[in-house]
Amino acid sequence: MMNILKVVFKEFFGMFIDDGALALLALLLIAAVGVLVKFANVDALLGAALLFVGCLMVLAESVARAARKKFQRK
């Protein structure tokens, strides 16, 4: 029964989010920048820049991970 639930959960999750690590890192980045802007008195413009650079880094890591997986299959 647990195996069936795991498969159903993975399939359901996979319909909306193809790369779980990308989604998790994006959420963590948004939370971290939000905390910095709200509680550490970081300027909103600096927070936006951090968010932009962080998104680029997260996307670059995701592309690199996907490329490694693709080349390891061959």
N, C-alpha and C. Protein backbone atom coordinates (compact mmCIF):
# COMPACT_ATOMS: atom_id res chain seq x y z
N MET A 1 0.82 -1.20 0.00
CA MET A 1 0.00 0.00 0.00
C MET A 1 0.86 1.26 0.00
N MET A 2 1.95 1.27 0.79
CA MET A 2 2.83 2.44 0.86
C MET A 2 3.53 2.68 -0.49
N ASN A 3 3.90 1.59 -1.18
CA ASN A 3 4.55 1.74 -2.48
C ASN A 3 3.61 2.40 -3.48
N ILE A 4 2.35 2.03 -3.43
CA ILE A 4 1.36 2.61 -4.34
C ILE A 4 1.21 4.11 -4.04
N LEU A 5 1.16 4.46 -2.76
CA LEU A 5 1.04 5.87 -2.38
C LEU A 5 2.27 6.67 -2.82
N LYS A 6 3.45 6.09 -2.69
CA LYS A 6 4.67 6.76 -3.14
C LYS A 6 4.63 7.01 -4.64
N VAL A 7 4.23 6.02 -5.40
CA VAL A 7 4.17 6.16 -6.85
C VAL A 7 3.14 7.22 -7.24
N VAL A 8 1.98 7.19 -6.60
CA VAL A 8 0.93 8.17 -6.90
C VAL A 8 1.43 9.58 -6.56
N PHE A 9 2.07 9.74 -5.41
CA PHE A 9 2.59 11.05 -5.01
C PHE A 9 3.63 11.55 -6.00
N LYS A 10 4.56 10.69 -6.39
CA LYS A 10 5.61 11.09 -7.34
C LYS A 10 5.01 11.48 -8.69
N GLU A 11 4.05 10.73 -9.16
CA GLU A 11 3.41 11.05 -10.44
C GLU A 11 2.64 12.36 -10.35
N PHE A 12 1.92 12.55 -9.26
CA PHE A 12 1.16 13.79 -9.08
C PHE A 12 2.10 14.98 -8.99
N PHE A 13 3.17 14.86 -8.22
CA PHE A 13 4.17 15.90 -8.06
C PHE A 13 4.85 16.18 -9.40
N GLY A 14 5.13 15.14 -10.16
CA GLY A 14 5.80 15.27 -11.45
C GLY A 14 4.94 15.98 -12.50
N MET A 15 3.63 15.96 -12.34
CA MET A 15 2.76 16.67 -13.29
C MET A 15 2.96 18.18 -13.20
N PHE A 16 3.26 18.67 -12.02
CA PHE A 16 3.38 20.10 -11.81
C PHE A 16 4.82 20.58 -11.71
N ILE A 17 5.68 19.76 -11.15
CA ILE A 17 7.07 20.15 -10.95
C ILE A 17 7.96 19.04 -11.50
N ASP A 18 8.67 19.35 -12.56
CA ASP A 18 9.53 18.35 -13.19
C ASP A 18 10.85 18.20 -12.43
N ASP A 19 11.36 19.31 -11.92
CA ASP A 19 12.65 19.30 -11.24
C ASP A 19 12.43 19.77 -9.80
N GLY A 20 12.34 18.82 -8.89
CA GLY A 20 12.09 19.15 -7.49
C GLY A 20 13.18 19.98 -6.85
N ALA A 21 14.44 19.72 -7.22
CA ALA A 21 15.55 20.49 -6.65
C ALA A 21 15.47 21.95 -7.08
N LEU A 22 15.11 22.18 -8.33
CA LEU A 22 14.96 23.55 -8.82
C LEU A 22 13.87 24.28 -8.04
N ALA A 23 12.74 23.63 -7.85
CA ALA A 23 11.64 24.25 -7.12
C ALA A 23 12.03 24.53 -5.67
N LEU A 24 12.69 23.58 -5.03
CA LEU A 24 13.10 23.76 -3.64
C LEU A 24 14.10 24.90 -3.50
N LEU A 25 15.10 24.94 -4.38
CA LEU A 25 16.10 26.01 -4.30
C LEU A 25 15.47 27.38 -4.57
N ALA A 26 14.52 27.44 -5.49
CA ALA A 26 13.85 28.71 -5.77
C ALA A 26 13.06 29.18 -4.56
N LEU A 27 12.35 28.27 -3.91
CA LEU A 27 11.59 28.64 -2.70
C LEU A 27 12.51 29.08 -1.57
N LEU A 28 13.63 28.38 -1.40
CA LEU A 28 14.58 28.76 -0.36
C LEU A 28 15.19 30.13 -0.66
N LEU A 29 15.49 30.40 -1.91
CA LEU A 29 16.05 31.69 -2.30
C LEU A 29 15.06 32.81 -2.02
N ILE A 30 13.81 32.61 -2.40
CA ILE A 30 12.79 33.63 -2.15
C ILE A 30 12.62 33.87 -0.66
N ALA A 31 12.59 32.81 0.13
CA ALA A 31 12.45 32.95 1.58
C ALA A 31 13.65 33.69 2.18
N ALA A 32 14.85 33.33 1.74
CA ALA A 32 16.05 33.97 2.30
C ALA A 32 16.10 35.46 1.96
N VAL A 33 15.79 35.81 0.72
CA VAL A 33 15.81 37.23 0.34
C VAL A 33 14.68 37.97 1.06
N GLY A 34 13.54 37.34 1.21
CA GLY A 34 12.44 37.97 1.94
C GLY A 34 12.80 38.25 3.37
N VAL A 35 13.45 37.32 4.03
CA VAL A 35 13.89 37.51 5.42
C VAL A 35 14.92 38.63 5.50
N LEU A 36 15.86 38.66 4.55
CA LEU A 36 16.87 39.72 4.55
C LEU A 36 16.24 41.10 4.40
N VAL A 37 15.31 41.22 3.47
CA VAL A 37 14.69 42.52 3.23
C VAL A 37 13.82 42.94 4.41
N LYS A 38 13.10 41.99 4.98
CA LYS A 38 12.16 42.31 6.06
C LYS A 38 12.86 42.56 7.40
N PHE A 39 13.80 41.70 7.76
CA PHE A 39 14.34 41.73 9.11
C PHE A 39 15.78 42.24 9.21
N ALA A 40 16.55 42.19 8.13
CA ALA A 40 17.95 42.62 8.20
C ALA A 40 18.14 44.00 7.59
N ASN A 41 17.04 44.68 7.32
CA ASN A 41 17.09 46.03 6.77
C ASN A 41 17.92 46.15 5.50
N VAL A 42 17.82 45.13 4.66
CA VAL A 42 18.47 45.18 3.35
C VAL A 42 17.55 45.98 2.43
N ASP A 43 18.14 46.88 1.65
CA ASP A 43 17.37 47.72 0.73
C ASP A 43 16.62 46.84 -0.27
N ALA A 44 15.43 47.25 -0.66
CA ALA A 44 14.60 46.47 -1.58
C ALA A 44 15.29 46.29 -2.93
N LEU A 45 15.98 47.31 -3.40
CA LEU A 45 16.69 47.20 -4.68
C LEU A 45 17.81 46.17 -4.60
N LEU A 46 18.53 46.16 -3.49
CA LEU A 46 19.57 45.15 -3.29
C LEU A 46 18.94 43.76 -3.19
N GLY A 47 17.80 43.67 -2.52
CA GLY A 47 17.09 42.40 -2.42
C GLY A 47 16.68 41.89 -3.79
N ALA A 48 16.20 42.80 -4.65
CA ALA A 48 15.83 42.41 -6.01
C ALA A 48 17.04 41.93 -6.78
N ALA A 49 18.17 42.60 -6.62
CA ALA A 49 19.41 42.19 -7.30
C ALA A 49 19.85 40.81 -6.80
N LEU A 50 19.76 40.60 -5.49
CA LEU A 50 20.12 39.28 -4.94
C LEU A 50 19.21 38.19 -5.47
N LEU A 51 17.93 38.51 -5.57
CA LEU A 51 16.97 37.55 -6.10
C LEU A 51 17.27 37.22 -7.56
N PHE A 52 17.59 38.24 -8.35
CA PHE A 52 17.92 38.04 -9.76
C PHE A 52 19.17 37.18 -9.92
N VAL A 53 20.23 37.54 -9.22
CA VAL A 53 21.49 36.79 -9.33
C VAL A 53 21.30 35.37 -8.78
N GLY A 54 20.56 35.24 -7.70
CA GLY A 54 20.30 33.93 -7.14
C GLY A 54 19.52 33.04 -8.10
N CYS A 55 18.53 33.62 -8.77
CA CYS A 55 17.76 32.85 -9.76
C CYS A 55 18.65 32.39 -10.90
N LEU A 56 19.53 33.26 -11.36
CA LEU A 56 20.47 32.86 -12.43
C LEU A 56 21.37 31.71 -11.97
N MET A 57 21.81 31.77 -10.74
CA MET A 57 22.67 30.71 -10.21
C MET A 57 21.90 29.39 -10.07
N VAL A 58 20.67 29.47 -9.58
CA VAL A 58 19.86 28.27 -9.42
C VAL A 58 19.57 27.64 -10.78
N LEU A 59 19.23 28.47 -11.76
CA LEU A 59 18.97 27.95 -13.11
C LEU A 59 20.22 27.36 -13.74
N ALA A 60 21.37 28.00 -13.55
CA ALA A 60 22.62 27.48 -14.09
C ALA A 60 22.95 26.12 -13.47
N GLU A 61 22.72 26.00 -12.18
CA GLU A 61 22.98 24.72 -11.50
C GLU A 61 22.04 23.64 -12.03
N SER A 62 20.81 24.00 -12.27
CA SER A 62 19.83 23.04 -12.77
C SER A 62 20.18 22.58 -14.18
N VAL A 63 20.61 23.51 -15.03
CA VAL A 63 21.02 23.15 -16.39
C VAL A 63 22.26 22.26 -16.36
N ALA A 64 23.20 22.58 -15.50
CA ALA A 64 24.42 21.77 -15.39
C ALA A 64 24.09 20.36 -14.90
N ARG A 65 23.18 20.26 -13.94
CA ARG A 65 22.78 18.94 -13.43
C ARG A 65 22.09 18.12 -14.52
N ALA A 66 21.21 18.77 -15.28
CA ALA A 66 20.53 18.08 -16.37
C ALA A 66 21.51 17.63 -17.46
N ALA A 67 22.50 18.47 -17.75
CA ALA A 67 23.49 18.10 -18.76
C ALA A 67 24.33 16.92 -18.29
N ARG A 68 24.69 16.92 -17.00
CA ARG A 68 25.46 15.78 -16.47
C ARG A 68 24.67 14.49 -16.60
N LYS A 69 23.39 14.55 -16.26
CA LYS A 69 22.53 13.35 -16.36
C LYS A 69 22.44 12.88 -17.81
N LYS A 70 22.30 13.81 -18.73
CA LYS A 70 22.15 13.46 -20.14
C LYS A 70 23.42 12.79 -20.68
N PHE A 71 24.59 13.35 -20.33
CA PHE A 71 25.82 12.79 -20.83
C PHE A 71 26.22 11.50 -20.14
N GLN A 72 25.75 11.28 -18.91
CA GLN A 72 26.04 10.03 -18.22
C GLN A 72 25.25 8.88 -18.80
N ARG A 73 24.09 9.16 -19.41
CA ARG A 73 23.26 8.12 -20.01
C ARG A 73 23.88 7.55 -21.27
N LYS A 74 24.64 8.37 -21.97
CA LYS A 74 25.21 7.93 -23.27
C LYS A 74 26.40 7.03 -23.09
